[in-house]
């Protein structure tokens, strides 16, 4: 993608992204997760949402990438059980408790926030 990963944007030294760009990125991620979790014929749990897996196109539109750990869920299946997946530090607590997970294990709300400054 033209503008690289969000991790390059938020972890580089010096200038920080503007608030407008930050909010646009968050909304893009939320829309994409809504699509994966509720609008696809089979729900998809990404399992590895983190700044390195969010890419920015030439218009700085965020796209979720790297579906290597993703898991499909059958429509109307309330819960599923599997071994934990994801990057340590970005995983939802449900993975570590070995309980059946829902689409809520995609840790978009638990990921590292964009730096404030």
PDB file of N, CA and C in Angstrom:
ATOM      1  N   UNK A   1       0.848  -1.178   0.000  1.00  0.00           N
ATOM      2  CA  UNK A   1       0.000   0.000   0.000  1.00  0.00           C
ATOM      3  C   UNK A   1       0.895   1.245   0.000  1.00  0.00           C
ATOM      4  N   UNK A   2       0.431   2.227  -0.678  1.00  0.00           N
ATOM      5  CA  UNK A   2       1.204   3.448  -0.932  1.00  0.00           C
ATOM      6  C   UNK A   2       1.789   4.089   0.338  1.00  0.00           C
ATOM      7  N   UNK A   3       0.996   4.203   1.412  1.00  0.00           N
ATOM      8  CA  UNK A   3       1.468   4.896   2.614  1.00  0.00           C
ATOM      9  C   UNK A   3       1.897   3.965   3.745  1.00  0.00           C
ATOM     10  N   UNK A   4       2.031   2.690   3.448  1.00  0.00           N
ATOM     11  CA  UNK A   4       2.582   1.743   4.419  1.00  0.00           C
ATOM     12  C   UNK A   4       1.643   1.414   5.569  1.00  0.00           C
ATOM     13  N   UNK A   5       2.245   0.840   6.601  1.00  0.00           N
ATOM     14  CA  UNK A   5       1.491   0.394   7.776  1.00  0.00           C
ATOM     15  C   UNK A   5       1.268   1.534   8.763  1.00  0.00           C
ATOM     16  N   UNK A   6       0.187   1.450   9.503  1.00  0.00           N
ATOM     17  CA  UNK A   6      -0.118   2.441  10.536  1.00  0.00           C
ATOM     18  C   UNK A   6       1.015   2.481  11.569  1.00  0.00           C
ATOM     19  N   UNK A   7       1.653   1.343  11.803  1.00  0.00           N
ATOM     20  CA  UNK A   7       2.759   1.320  12.765  1.00  0.00           C
ATOM     21  C   UNK A   7       3.861   2.302  12.359  1.00  0.00           C
ATOM     22  N   UNK A   8       4.129   2.448  11.069  1.00  0.00           N
ATOM     23  CA  UNK A   8       5.129   3.414  10.611  1.00  0.00           C
ATOM     24  C   UNK A   8       4.706   4.836  10.941  1.00  0.00           C
ATOM     25  N   UNK A   9       3.427   5.081  10.856  1.00  0.00           N
ATOM     26  CA  UNK A   9       2.887   6.414  11.109  1.00  0.00           C
ATOM     27  C   UNK A   9       2.921   6.765  12.594  1.00  0.00           C
ATOM     28  N   UNK A  10       2.538   5.837  13.454  1.00  0.00           N
ATOM     29  CA  UNK A  10       2.386   6.182  14.873  1.00  0.00           C
ATOM     30  C   UNK A  10       3.640   5.963  15.702  1.00  0.00           C
ATOM     31  N   UNK A  11       4.563   5.141  15.225  1.00  0.00           N
ATOM     32  CA  UNK A  11       5.753   4.873  16.024  1.00  0.00           C
ATOM     33  C   UNK A  11       6.999   5.613  15.549  1.00  0.00           C
ATOM     34  N   UNK A  12       6.876   6.383  14.482  1.00  0.00           N
ATOM     35  CA  UNK A  12       8.046   7.136  14.024  1.00  0.00           C
ATOM     36  C   UNK A  12       8.281   8.325  14.950  1.00  0.00           C
ATOM     37  N   UNK A  13       9.502   8.726  15.019  1.00  0.00           N
ATOM     38  CA  UNK A  13       9.855   9.861  15.881  1.00  0.00           C
ATOM     39  C   UNK A  13       9.558  11.174  15.159  1.00  0.00           C
ATOM     40  N   UNK A  14       9.256  12.171  15.928  1.00  0.00           N
ATOM     41  CA  UNK A  14       8.975  13.477  15.340  1.00  0.00           C
ATOM     42  C   UNK A  14       7.500  13.770  15.307  1.00  0.00           C
ATOM     43  N   UNK A  15       7.008  14.153  14.130  1.00  0.00           N
ATOM     44  CA  UNK A  15       5.620  14.589  14.026  1.00  0.00           C
ATOM     45  C   UNK A  15       4.636  13.448  14.238  1.00  0.00           C
ATOM     46  N   UNK A  16       3.515  13.799  14.801  1.00  0.00           N
ATOM     47  CA  UNK A  16       2.425  12.849  15.038  1.00  0.00           C
ATOM     48  C   UNK A  16       1.334  13.111  14.017  1.00  0.00           C
ATOM     49  N   UNK A  17       0.540  12.098  13.684  1.00  0.00           N
ATOM     50  CA  UNK A  17      -0.563  12.321  12.738  1.00  0.00           C
ATOM     51  C   UNK A  17      -1.602  13.280  13.304  1.00  0.00           C
ATOM     52  N   UNK A  18      -2.240  14.020  12.433  1.00  0.00           N
ATOM     53  CA  UNK A  18      -3.295  14.939  12.846  1.00  0.00           C
ATOM     54  C   UNK A  18      -4.485  14.151  13.377  1.00  0.00           C
ATOM     55  N   UNK A  19      -5.286  14.813  14.208  1.00  0.00           N
ATOM     56  CA  UNK A  19      -6.452  14.159  14.813  1.00  0.00           C
ATOM     57  C   UNK A  19      -7.441  13.699  13.753  1.00  0.00           C
ATOM     58  N   UNK A  20      -7.609  14.438  12.694  1.00  0.00           N
ATOM     59  CA  UNK A  20      -8.526  14.051  11.626  1.00  0.00           C
ATOM     60  C   UNK A  20      -8.091  12.712  11.024  1.00  0.00           C
ATOM     61  N   UNK A  21      -6.810  12.559  10.745  1.00  0.00           N
ATOM     62  CA  UNK A  21      -6.304  11.308  10.193  1.00  0.00           C
ATOM     63  C   UNK A  21      -6.478  10.178  11.198  1.00  0.00           C
ATOM     64  N   UNK A  22      -6.195  10.440  12.455  1.00  0.00           N
ATOM     65  CA  UNK A  22      -6.362   9.415  13.491  1.00  0.00           C
ATOM     66  C   UNK A  22      -7.805   8.914  13.545  1.00  0.00           C
ATOM     67  N   UNK A  23      -8.753   9.856  13.559  1.00  0.00           N
ATOM     68  CA  UNK A  23     -10.163   9.451  13.650  1.00  0.00           C
ATOM     69  C   UNK A  23     -10.609   8.736  12.375  1.00  0.00           C
ATOM     70  N   UNK A  24     -10.110   9.165  11.222  1.00  0.00           N
ATOM     71  CA  UNK A  24     -10.449   8.488   9.966  1.00  0.00           C
ATOM     72  C   UNK A  24      -9.946   7.042   9.974  1.00  0.00           C
ATOM     73  N   UNK A  25      -8.740   6.824  10.472  1.00  0.00           N
ATOM     74  CA  UNK A  25      -8.179   5.472  10.550  1.00  0.00           C
ATOM     75  C   UNK A  25      -9.030   4.592  11.458  1.00  0.00           C
ATOM     76  N   UNK A  26      -9.376   5.107  12.615  1.00  0.00           N
ATOM     77  CA  UNK A  26     -10.184   4.341  13.570  1.00  0.00           C
ATOM     78  C   UNK A  26     -11.544   3.992  12.956  1.00  0.00           C
ATOM     79  N   UNK A  27     -12.179   4.937  12.275  1.00  0.00           N
ATOM     80  CA  UNK A  27     -13.479   4.675  11.649  1.00  0.00           C
ATOM     81  C   UNK A  27     -13.358   3.658  10.514  1.00  0.00           C
ATOM     82  N   UNK A  28     -12.289   3.737   9.729  1.00  0.00           N
ATOM     83  CA  UNK A  28     -12.074   2.748   8.667  1.00  0.00           C
ATOM     84  C   UNK A  28     -11.944   1.350   9.246  1.00  0.00           C
ATOM     85  N   UNK A  29     -11.177   1.216  10.323  1.00  0.00           N
ATOM     86  CA  UNK A  29     -10.990  -0.088  10.974  1.00  0.00           C
ATOM     87  C   UNK A  29     -12.324  -0.593  11.514  1.00  0.00           C
ATOM     88  N   UNK A  30     -13.074   0.281  12.164  1.00  0.00           N
ATOM     89  CA  UNK A  30     -14.368  -0.111  12.729  1.00  0.00           C
ATOM     90  C   UNK A  30     -15.328  -0.580  11.634  1.00  0.00           C
ATOM     91  N   UNK A  31     -15.370   0.130  10.505  1.00  0.00           N
ATOM     92  CA  UNK A  31     -16.237  -0.268   9.392  1.00  0.00           C
ATOM     93  C   UNK A  31     -15.834  -1.639   8.847  1.00  0.00           C
ATOM     94  N   UNK A  32     -14.546  -1.846   8.712  1.00  0.00           N
ATOM     95  CA  UNK A  32     -14.059  -3.104   8.165  1.00  0.00           C
ATOM     96  C   UNK A  32     -14.365  -4.262   9.110  1.00  0.00           C
ATOM     97  N   UNK A  33     -14.174  -4.048  10.416  1.00  0.00           N
ATOM     98  CA  UNK A  33     -14.491  -5.103  11.385  1.00  0.00           C
ATOM     99  C   UNK A  33     -15.989  -5.376  11.432  1.00  0.00           C
ATOM    100  N   UNK A  34     -16.809  -4.353  11.310  1.00  0.00           N
ATOM    101  CA  UNK A  34     -18.253  -4.558  11.242  1.00  0.00           C
ATOM    102  C   UNK A  34     -18.592  -5.451  10.050  1.00  0.00           C
ATOM    103  N   UNK A  35     -17.961  -5.174   8.922  1.00  0.00           N
ATOM    104  CA  UNK A  35     -18.200  -5.995   7.743  1.00  0.00           C
ATOM    105  C   UNK A  35     -17.779  -7.450   7.993  1.00  0.00           C
ATOM    106  N   UNK A  36     -16.566  -7.650   8.517  1.00  0.00           N
ATOM    107  CA  UNK A  36     -16.069  -9.005   8.762  1.00  0.00           C
ATOM    108  C   UNK A  36     -16.930  -9.758   9.773  1.00  0.00           C
ATOM    109  N   UNK A  37     -17.349  -9.073  10.825  1.00  0.00           N
ATOM    110  CA  UNK A  37     -18.054  -9.728  11.933  1.00  0.00           C
ATOM    111  C   UNK A  37     -19.551  -9.900  11.711  1.00  0.00           C
ATOM    112  N   UNK A  38     -20.170  -9.019  10.935  1.00  0.00           N
ATOM    113  CA  UNK A  38     -21.620  -9.059  10.859  1.00  0.00           C
ATOM    114  C   UNK A  38     -22.202  -9.074   9.452  1.00  0.00           C
ATOM    115  N   UNK A  39     -21.480  -8.601   8.464  1.00  0.00           N
ATOM    116  CA  UNK A  39     -22.069  -8.460   7.140  1.00  0.00           C
ATOM    117  C   UNK A  39     -21.633  -9.525   6.143  1.00  0.00           C
ATOM    118  N   UNK A  40     -20.534 -10.212   6.402  1.00  0.00           N
ATOM    119  CA  UNK A  40     -20.097 -11.308   5.529  1.00  0.00           C
ATOM    120  C   UNK A  40     -21.057 -12.479   5.671  1.00  0.00           C
ATOM    121  N   UNK A  41     -21.152 -13.286   4.619  1.00  0.00           N
ATOM    122  CA  UNK A  41     -22.000 -14.480   4.700  1.00  0.00           C
ATOM    123  C   UNK A  41     -21.505 -15.378   5.832  1.00  0.00           C
ATOM    124  N   UNK A  42     -20.212 -15.611   5.901  1.00  0.00           N
ATOM    125  CA  UNK A  42     -19.599 -16.301   7.042  1.00  0.00           C
ATOM    126  C   UNK A  42     -18.761 -15.278   7.783  1.00  0.00           C
ATOM    127  N   UNK A  43     -18.974 -15.156   9.065  1.00  0.00           N
ATOM    128  CA  UNK A  43     -18.222 -14.182   9.850  1.00  0.00           C
ATOM    129  C   UNK A  43     -16.744 -14.548   9.846  1.00  0.00           C
ATOM    130  N   UNK A  44     -15.907 -13.527   9.882  1.00  0.00           N
ATOM    131  CA  UNK A  44     -14.460 -13.723   9.910  1.00  0.00           C
ATOM    132  C   UNK A  44     -13.911 -13.060  11.155  1.00  0.00           C
ATOM    133  N   UNK A  45     -13.147 -13.803  11.927  1.00  0.00           N
ATOM    134  CA  UNK A  45     -12.425 -13.248  13.072  1.00  0.00           C
ATOM    135  C   UNK A  45     -10.981 -13.092  12.607  1.00  0.00           C
ATOM    136  N   UNK A  46     -10.482 -11.891  12.578  1.00  0.00           N
ATOM    137  CA  UNK A  46      -9.143 -11.619  12.057  1.00  0.00           C
ATOM    138  C   UNK A  46      -8.058 -12.212  12.948  1.00  0.00           C
ATOM    139  N   UNK A  47      -8.179 -12.036  14.248  1.00  0.00           N
ATOM    140  CA  UNK A  47      -7.281 -12.603  15.264  1.00  0.00           C
ATOM    141  C   UNK A  47      -5.931 -11.903  15.411  1.00  0.00           C
ATOM    142  N   UNK A  48      -5.634 -10.902  14.607  1.00  0.00           N
ATOM    143  CA  UNK A  48      -4.315 -10.258  14.741  1.00  0.00           C
ATOM    144  C   UNK A  48      -4.383  -8.788  14.329  1.00  0.00           C
ATOM    145  N   UNK A  49      -5.361  -8.066  14.887  1.00  0.00           N
ATOM    146  CA  UNK A  49      -5.474  -6.633  14.614  1.00  0.00           C
ATOM    147  C   UNK A  49      -4.401  -5.906  15.413  1.00  0.00           C
ATOM    148  N   UNK A  50      -3.508  -5.241  14.698  1.00  0.00           N
ATOM    149  CA  UNK A  50      -2.440  -4.459  15.320  1.00  0.00           C
ATOM    150  C   UNK A  50      -1.971  -3.430  14.299  1.00  0.00           C
ATOM    151  N   UNK A  51      -1.260  -2.399  14.719  1.00  0.00           N
ATOM    152  CA  UNK A  51      -0.846  -1.332  13.794  1.00  0.00           C
ATOM    153  C   UNK A  51      -0.067  -1.824  12.575  1.00  0.00           C
ATOM    154  N   UNK A  52       0.705  -2.879  12.708  1.00  0.00           N
ATOM    155  CA  UNK A  52       1.470  -3.409  11.580  1.00  0.00           C
ATOM    156  C   UNK A  52       0.566  -4.033  10.515  1.00  0.00           C
ATOM    157  N   UNK A  53      -0.624  -4.482  10.915  1.00  0.00           N
ATOM    158  CA  UNK A  53      -1.557  -5.120   9.978  1.00  0.00           C
ATOM    159  C   UNK A  53      -2.637  -4.184   9.461  1.00  0.00           C
ATOM    160  N   UNK A  54      -2.503  -2.908   9.726  1.00  0.00           N
ATOM    161  CA  UNK A  54      -3.408  -1.902   9.167  1.00  0.00           C
ATOM    162  C   UNK A  54      -2.585  -1.095   8.170  1.00  0.00           C
ATOM    163  N   UNK A  55      -2.973  -1.177   6.906  1.00  0.00           N
ATOM    164  CA  UNK A  55      -2.226  -0.483   5.849  1.00  0.00           C
ATOM    165  C   UNK A  55      -3.005   0.726   5.358  1.00  0.00           C
ATOM    166  N   UNK A  56      -2.268   1.727   4.871  1.00  0.00           N
ATOM    167  CA  UNK A  56      -2.879   2.963   4.377  1.00  0.00           C
ATOM    168  C   UNK A  56      -2.652   3.080   2.875  1.00  0.00           C
ATOM    169  N   UNK A  57      -3.741   3.302   2.137  1.00  0.00           N
ATOM    170  CA  UNK A  57      -3.600   3.464   0.689  1.00  0.00           C
ATOM    171  C   UNK A  57      -3.165   4.896   0.360  1.00  0.00           C
ATOM    172  N   UNK A  58      -3.163   5.250  -0.925  1.00  0.00           N
ATOM    173  CA  UNK A  58      -2.675   6.572  -1.338  1.00  0.00           C
ATOM    174  C   UNK A  58      -3.508   7.713  -0.764  1.00  0.00           C
ATOM    175  N   UNK A  59      -4.770   7.430  -0.368  1.00  0.00           N
ATOM    176  CA  UNK A  59      -5.636   8.440   0.229  1.00  0.00           C
ATOM    177  C   UNK A  59      -5.680   8.335   1.748  1.00  0.00           C
ATOM    178  N   UNK A  60      -4.779   7.549   2.323  1.00  0.00           N
ATOM    179  CA  UNK A  60      -4.723   7.277   3.765  1.00  0.00           C
ATOM    180  C   UNK A  60      -5.985   6.585   4.281  1.00  0.00           C
ATOM    181  N   UNK A  61      -6.627   5.812   3.411  1.00  0.00           N
ATOM    182  CA  UNK A  61      -7.740   4.978   3.833  1.00  0.00           C
ATOM    183  C   UNK A  61      -7.160   3.705   4.417  1.00  0.00           C
ATOM    184  N   UNK A  62      -7.568   3.365   5.627  1.00  0.00           N
ATOM    185  CA  UNK A  62      -7.024   2.185   6.310  1.00  0.00           C
ATOM    186  C   UNK A  62      -7.648   0.909   5.763  1.00  0.00           C
ATOM    187  N   UNK A  63      -6.811  -0.085   5.566  1.00  0.00           N
ATOM    188  CA  UNK A  63      -7.229  -1.410   5.104  1.00  0.00           C
ATOM    189  C   UNK A  63      -6.623  -2.440   6.042  1.00  0.00           C
ATOM    190  N   UNK A  64      -7.396  -3.430   6.431  1.00  0.00           N
ATOM    191  CA  UNK A  64      -6.877  -4.497   7.292  1.00  0.00           C
ATOM    192  C   UNK A  64      -6.196  -5.536   6.410  1.00  0.00           C
ATOM    193  N   UNK A  65      -5.004  -5.951   6.813  1.00  0.00           N
ATOM    194  CA  UNK A  65      -4.216  -6.910   6.041  1.00  0.00           C
ATOM    195  C   UNK A  65      -3.828  -8.107   6.902  1.00  0.00           C
ATOM    196  N   UNK A  66      -3.176  -9.059   6.300  1.00  0.00           N
ATOM    197  CA  UNK A  66      -2.623 -10.260   6.933  1.00  0.00           C
ATOM    198  C   UNK A  66      -3.698 -11.106   7.604  1.00  0.00           C
ATOM    199  N   UNK A  67      -4.360 -11.904   6.807  1.00  0.00           N
ATOM    200  CA  UNK A  67      -5.418 -12.784   7.291  1.00  0.00           C
ATOM    201  C   UNK A  67      -4.890 -14.190   7.572  1.00  0.00           C
ATOM    202  N   UNK A  68      -3.587 -14.308   7.796  1.00  0.00           N
ATOM    203  CA  UNK A  68      -2.968 -15.611   8.038  1.00  0.00           C
ATOM    204  C   UNK A  68      -3.485 -16.333   9.269  1.00  0.00           C
ATOM    205  N   UNK A  69      -3.933 -15.602  10.281  1.00  0.00           N
ATOM    206  CA  UNK A  69      -4.457 -16.215  11.504  1.00  0.00           C
ATOM    207  C   UNK A  69      -5.983 -16.167  11.568  1.00  0.00           C
ATOM    208  N   UNK A  70      -6.609 -15.629  10.527  1.00  0.00           N
ATOM    209  CA  UNK A  70      -8.058 -15.434  10.535  1.00  0.00           C
ATOM    210  C   UNK A  70      -8.808 -16.760  10.669  1.00  0.00           C
ATOM    211  N   UNK A  71     -10.009 -16.650  11.210  1.00  0.00           N
ATOM    212  CA  UNK A  71     -10.843 -17.824  11.452  1.00  0.00           C
ATOM    213  C   UNK A  71     -12.240 -17.535  10.936  1.00  0.00           C
ATOM    214  N   UNK A  72     -12.805 -18.470  10.166  1.00  0.00           N
ATOM    215  CA  UNK A  72     -14.182 -18.354   9.691  1.00  0.00           C
ATOM    216  C   UNK A  72     -15.132 -18.884  10.742  1.00  0.00           C
ATOM    217  N   UNK A  73     -16.292 -18.242  10.860  1.00  0.00           N
ATOM    218  CA  UNK A  73     -17.347 -18.731  11.757  1.00  0.00           C
ATOM    219  C   UNK A  73     -18.587 -18.995  10.930  1.00  0.00           C
ATOM    220  N   UNK A  74     -19.269 -20.056  11.252  1.00  0.00           N
ATOM    221  CA  UNK A  74     -20.510 -20.391  10.568  1.00  0.00           C
ATOM    222  C   UNK A  74     -21.591 -19.409  11.006  1.00  0.00           C
ATOM    223  N   UNK A  75     -22.403 -18.979  10.059  1.00  0.00           N
ATOM    224  CA  UNK A  75     -23.492 -18.038  10.351  1.00  0.00           C
ATOM    225  C   UNK A  75     -24.347 -18.554  11.510  1.00  0.00           C
ATOM    226  N   UNK A  76     -24.716 -17.680  12.408  1.00  0.00           N
ATOM    227  CA  UNK A  76     -25.549 -17.975  13.579  1.00  0.00           C
ATOM    228  C   UNK A  76     -24.849 -18.845  14.627  1.00  0.00           C
ATOM    229  N   UNK A  77     -23.578 -19.115  14.460  1.00  0.00           N
ATOM    230  CA  UNK A  77     -22.830 -19.845  15.491  1.00  0.00           C
ATOM    231  C   UNK A  77     -22.467 -18.823  16.550  1.00  0.00           C
ATOM    232  N   UNK A  78     -22.935 -19.007  17.757  1.00  0.00           N
ATOM    233  CA  UNK A  78     -22.713 -18.024  18.808  1.00  0.00           C
ATOM    234  C   UNK A  78     -21.271 -18.009  19.294  1.00  0.00           C
ATOM    235  N   UNK A  79     -20.683 -19.174  19.454  1.00  0.00           N
ATOM    236  CA  UNK A  79     -19.322 -19.261  19.970  1.00  0.00           C
ATOM    237  C   UNK A  79     -18.599 -20.395  19.278  1.00  0.00           C
ATOM    238  N   UNK A  80     -17.302 -20.295  19.279  1.00  0.00           N
ATOM    239  CA  UNK A  80     -16.465 -21.357  18.744  1.00  0.00           C
ATOM    240  C   UNK A  80     -15.259 -21.494  19.661  1.00  0.00           C
ATOM    241  N   UNK A  81     -14.611 -22.628  19.639  1.00  0.00           N
ATOM    242  CA  UNK A  81     -13.478 -22.829  20.533  1.00  0.00           C
ATOM    243  C   UNK A  81     -12.278 -23.258  19.706  1.00  0.00           C
ATOM    244  N   UNK A  82     -11.138 -22.675  19.975  1.00  0.00           N
ATOM    245  CA  UNK A  82      -9.918 -22.994  19.256  1.00  0.00           C
ATOM    246  C   UNK A  82      -8.724 -22.601  20.118  1.00  0.00           C
ATOM    247  N   UNK A  83      -7.524 -22.928  19.667  1.00  0.00           N
ATOM    248  CA  UNK A  83      -6.323 -22.499  20.391  1.00  0.00           C
ATOM    249  C   UNK A  83      -6.139 -21.004  20.180  1.00  0.00           C
ATOM    250  N   UNK A  84      -5.370 -20.358  21.077  1.00  0.00           N
ATOM    251  CA  UNK A  84      -5.237 -18.906  20.948  1.00  0.00           C
ATOM    252  C   UNK A  84      -4.407 -18.541  19.737  1.00  0.00           C
ATOM    253  N   UNK A  85      -4.718 -17.377  19.207  1.00  0.00           N
ATOM    254  CA  UNK A  85      -4.062 -16.859  18.012  1.00  0.00           C
ATOM    255  C   UNK A  85      -3.796 -15.378  18.212  1.00  0.00           C
ATOM    256  N   UNK A  86      -2.788 -14.874  17.544  1.00  0.00           N
ATOM    257  CA  UNK A  86      -2.541 -13.445  17.561  1.00  0.00           C
ATOM    258  C   UNK A  86      -1.169 -13.108  18.091  1.00  0.00           C
ATOM    259  N   UNK A  87      -0.916 -11.830  18.187  1.00  0.00           N
ATOM    260  CA  UNK A  87       0.362 -11.313  18.649  1.00  0.00           C
ATOM    261  C   UNK A  87       0.243 -10.947  20.119  1.00  0.00           C
ATOM    262  N   UNK A  88       1.153 -11.461  20.915  1.00  0.00           N
ATOM    263  CA  UNK A  88       1.156 -11.148  22.344  1.00  0.00           C
ATOM    264  C   UNK A  88       1.128  -9.632  22.532  1.00  0.00           C
ATOM    265  N   UNK A  89       0.341  -9.170  23.437  1.00  0.00           N
ATOM    266  CA  UNK A  89       0.191  -7.738  23.667  1.00  0.00           C
ATOM    267  C   UNK A  89      -0.998  -7.147  22.929  1.00  0.00           C
ATOM    268  N   UNK A  90      -1.487  -7.846  21.909  1.00  0.00           N
ATOM    269  CA  UNK A  90      -2.642  -7.390  21.151  1.00  0.00           C
ATOM    270  C   UNK A  90      -3.795  -8.381  21.244  1.00  0.00           C
ATOM    271  N   UNK A  91      -3.589  -9.497  21.936  1.00  0.00           N
ATOM    272  CA  UNK A  91      -4.625 -10.524  22.042  1.00  0.00           C
ATOM    273  C   UNK A  91      -5.676 -10.156  23.077  1.00  0.00           C
ATOM    274  N   UNK A  92      -6.904 -10.560  22.795  1.00  0.00           N
ATOM    275  CA  UNK A  92      -7.997 -10.368  23.751  1.00  0.00           C
ATOM    276  C   UNK A  92      -7.826 -11.344  24.905  1.00  0.00           C
ATOM    277  N   UNK A  93      -8.260 -10.992  26.102  1.00  0.00           N
ATOM    278  CA  UNK A  93      -8.132 -11.875  27.266  1.00  0.00           C
ATOM    279  C   UNK A  93      -8.817 -13.226  27.084  1.00  0.00           C
ATOM    280  N   UNK A  94      -9.859 -13.284  26.247  1.00  0.00           N
ATOM    281  CA  UNK A  94     -10.565 -14.546  26.018  1.00  0.00           C
ATOM    282  C   UNK A  94      -9.633 -15.639  25.504  1.00  0.00           C
ATOM    283  N   UNK A  95      -8.645 -15.266  24.700  1.00  0.00           N
ATOM    284  CA  UNK A  95      -7.700 -16.257  24.179  1.00  0.00           C
ATOM    285  C   UNK A  95      -6.920 -16.894  25.320  1.00  0.00           C
ATOM    286  N   UNK A  96      -6.526 -16.120  26.280  1.00  0.00           N
ATOM    287  CA  UNK A  96      -5.684 -16.614  27.366  1.00  0.00           C
ATOM    288  C   UNK A  96      -6.477 -17.390  28.405  1.00  0.00           C
ATOM    289  N   UNK A  97      -7.785 -17.159  28.479  1.00  0.00           N
ATOM    290  CA  UNK A  97      -8.628 -17.847  29.459  1.00  0.00           C
ATOM    291  C   UNK A  97      -9.137 -19.185  28.931  1.00  0.00           C
ATOM    292  N   UNK A  98      -8.854 -19.495  27.667  1.00  0.00           N
ATOM    293  CA  UNK A  98      -9.279 -20.751  27.050  1.00  0.00           C
ATOM    294  C   UNK A  98     -10.789 -20.956  27.140  1.00  0.00           C
ATOM    295  N   UNK A  99     -11.527 -19.892  26.846  1.00  0.00           N
ATOM    296  CA  UNK A  99     -12.983 -19.975  26.815  1.00  0.00           C
ATOM    297  C   UNK A  99     -13.433 -19.801  25.367  1.00  0.00           C
ATOM    298  N   UNK A 100     -14.635 -20.251  25.021  1.00  0.00           N
ATOM    299  CA  UNK A 100     -15.113 -20.058  23.654  1.00  0.00           C
ATOM    300  C   UNK A 100     -15.127 -18.570  23.305  1.00  0.00           C
ATOM    301  N   UNK A 101     -14.688 -18.256  22.101  1.00  0.00           N
ATOM    302  CA  UNK A 101     -14.614 -16.849  21.732  1.00  0.00           C
ATOM    303  C   UNK A 101     -15.723 -16.469  20.775  1.00  0.00           C
ATOM    304  N   UNK A 102     -15.967 -15.186  20.697  1.00  0.00           N
ATOM    305  CA  UNK A 102     -16.910 -14.598  19.761  1.00  0.00           C
ATOM    306  C   UNK A 102     -16.117 -13.647  18.885  1.00  0.00           C
ATOM    307  N   UNK A 103     -16.793 -12.918  18.016  1.00  0.00           N
ATOM    308  CA  UNK A 103     -16.080 -11.944  17.180  1.00  0.00           C
ATOM    309  C   UNK A 103     -15.435 -10.851  18.023  1.00  0.00           C
ATOM    310  N   UNK A 104     -15.806 -10.755  19.293  1.00  0.00           N
ATOM    311  CA  UNK A 104     -15.236  -9.724  20.165  1.00  0.00           C
ATOM    312  C   UNK A 104     -13.771  -9.971  20.493  1.00  0.00           C
ATOM    313  N   UNK A 105     -13.221 -11.137  20.108  1.00  0.00           N
ATOM    314  CA  UNK A 105     -11.801 -11.376  20.382  1.00  0.00           C
ATOM    315  C   UNK A 105     -10.904 -10.608  19.431  1.00  0.00           C
ATOM    316  N   UNK A 106     -11.460 -10.043  18.359  1.00  0.00           N
ATOM    317  CA  UNK A 106     -10.655  -9.164  17.529  1.00  0.00           C
ATOM    318  C   UNK A 106     -10.392  -7.917  18.357  1.00  0.00           C
ATOM    319  N   UNK A 107      -9.150  -7.710  18.751  1.00  0.00           N
ATOM    320  CA  UNK A 107      -8.831  -6.705  19.775  1.00  0.00           C
ATOM    321  C   UNK A 107      -8.732  -5.281  19.283  1.00  0.00           C
ATOM    322  N   UNK A 108      -9.592  -4.875  18.392  1.00  0.00           N
ATOM    323  CA  UNK A 108      -9.478  -3.509  17.885  1.00  0.00           C
ATOM    324  C   UNK A 108      -9.562  -2.478  18.999  1.00  0.00           C
ATOM    325  N   UNK A 109     -10.358  -2.748  20.012  1.00  0.00           N
ATOM    326  CA  UNK A 109     -10.475  -1.795  21.114  1.00  0.00           C
ATOM    327  C   UNK A 109      -9.343  -1.964  22.123  1.00  0.00           C
ATOM    328  N   UNK A 110      -8.563  -3.032  21.999  1.00  0.00           N
ATOM    329  CA  UNK A 110      -7.481  -3.287  22.938  1.00  0.00           C
ATOM    330  C   UNK A 110      -6.116  -2.981  22.328  1.00  0.00           C
ATOM    331  N   UNK A 111      -6.081  -2.660  21.043  1.00  0.00           N
ATOM    332  CA  UNK A 111      -4.812  -2.404  20.364  1.00  0.00           C
ATOM    333  C   UNK A 111      -4.205  -1.087  20.844  1.00  0.00           C
ATOM    334  N   UNK A 112      -2.929  -0.919  20.570  1.00  0.00           N
ATOM    335  CA  UNK A 112      -2.228   0.287  20.953  1.00  0.00           C
ATOM    336  C   UNK A 112      -2.903   1.498  20.310  1.00  0.00           C
ATOM    337  N   UNK A 113      -3.325   2.475  21.099  1.00  0.00           N
ATOM    338  CA  UNK A 113      -3.976   3.652  20.542  1.00  0.00           C
ATOM    339  C   UNK A 113      -2.959   4.548  19.841  1.00  0.00           C
ATOM    340  N   UNK A 114      -3.460   5.386  18.951  1.00  0.00           N
ATOM    341  CA  UNK A 114      -2.574   6.347  18.321  1.00  0.00           C
ATOM    342  C   UNK A 114      -2.056   7.303  19.383  1.00  0.00           C
ATOM    343  N   UNK A 115      -0.759   7.622  19.361  1.00  0.00           N
ATOM    344  CA  UNK A 115      -0.178   8.497  20.382  1.00  0.00           C
ATOM    345  C   UNK A 115      -0.846   9.864  20.436  1.00  0.00           C
ATOM    346  N   UNK A 116      -0.965  10.410  21.615  1.00  0.00           N
ATOM    347  CA  UNK A 116      -1.549  11.719  21.814  1.00  0.00           C
ATOM    348  C   UNK A 116      -0.434  12.749  21.916  1.00  0.00           C
ATOM    349  N   UNK A 117      -0.508  13.747  21.097  1.00  0.00           N
ATOM    350  CA  UNK A 117       0.401  14.898  21.202  1.00  0.00           C
ATOM    351  C   UNK A 117       0.115  15.899  20.123  1.00  0.00           C
TER     352      UNK A 117
END
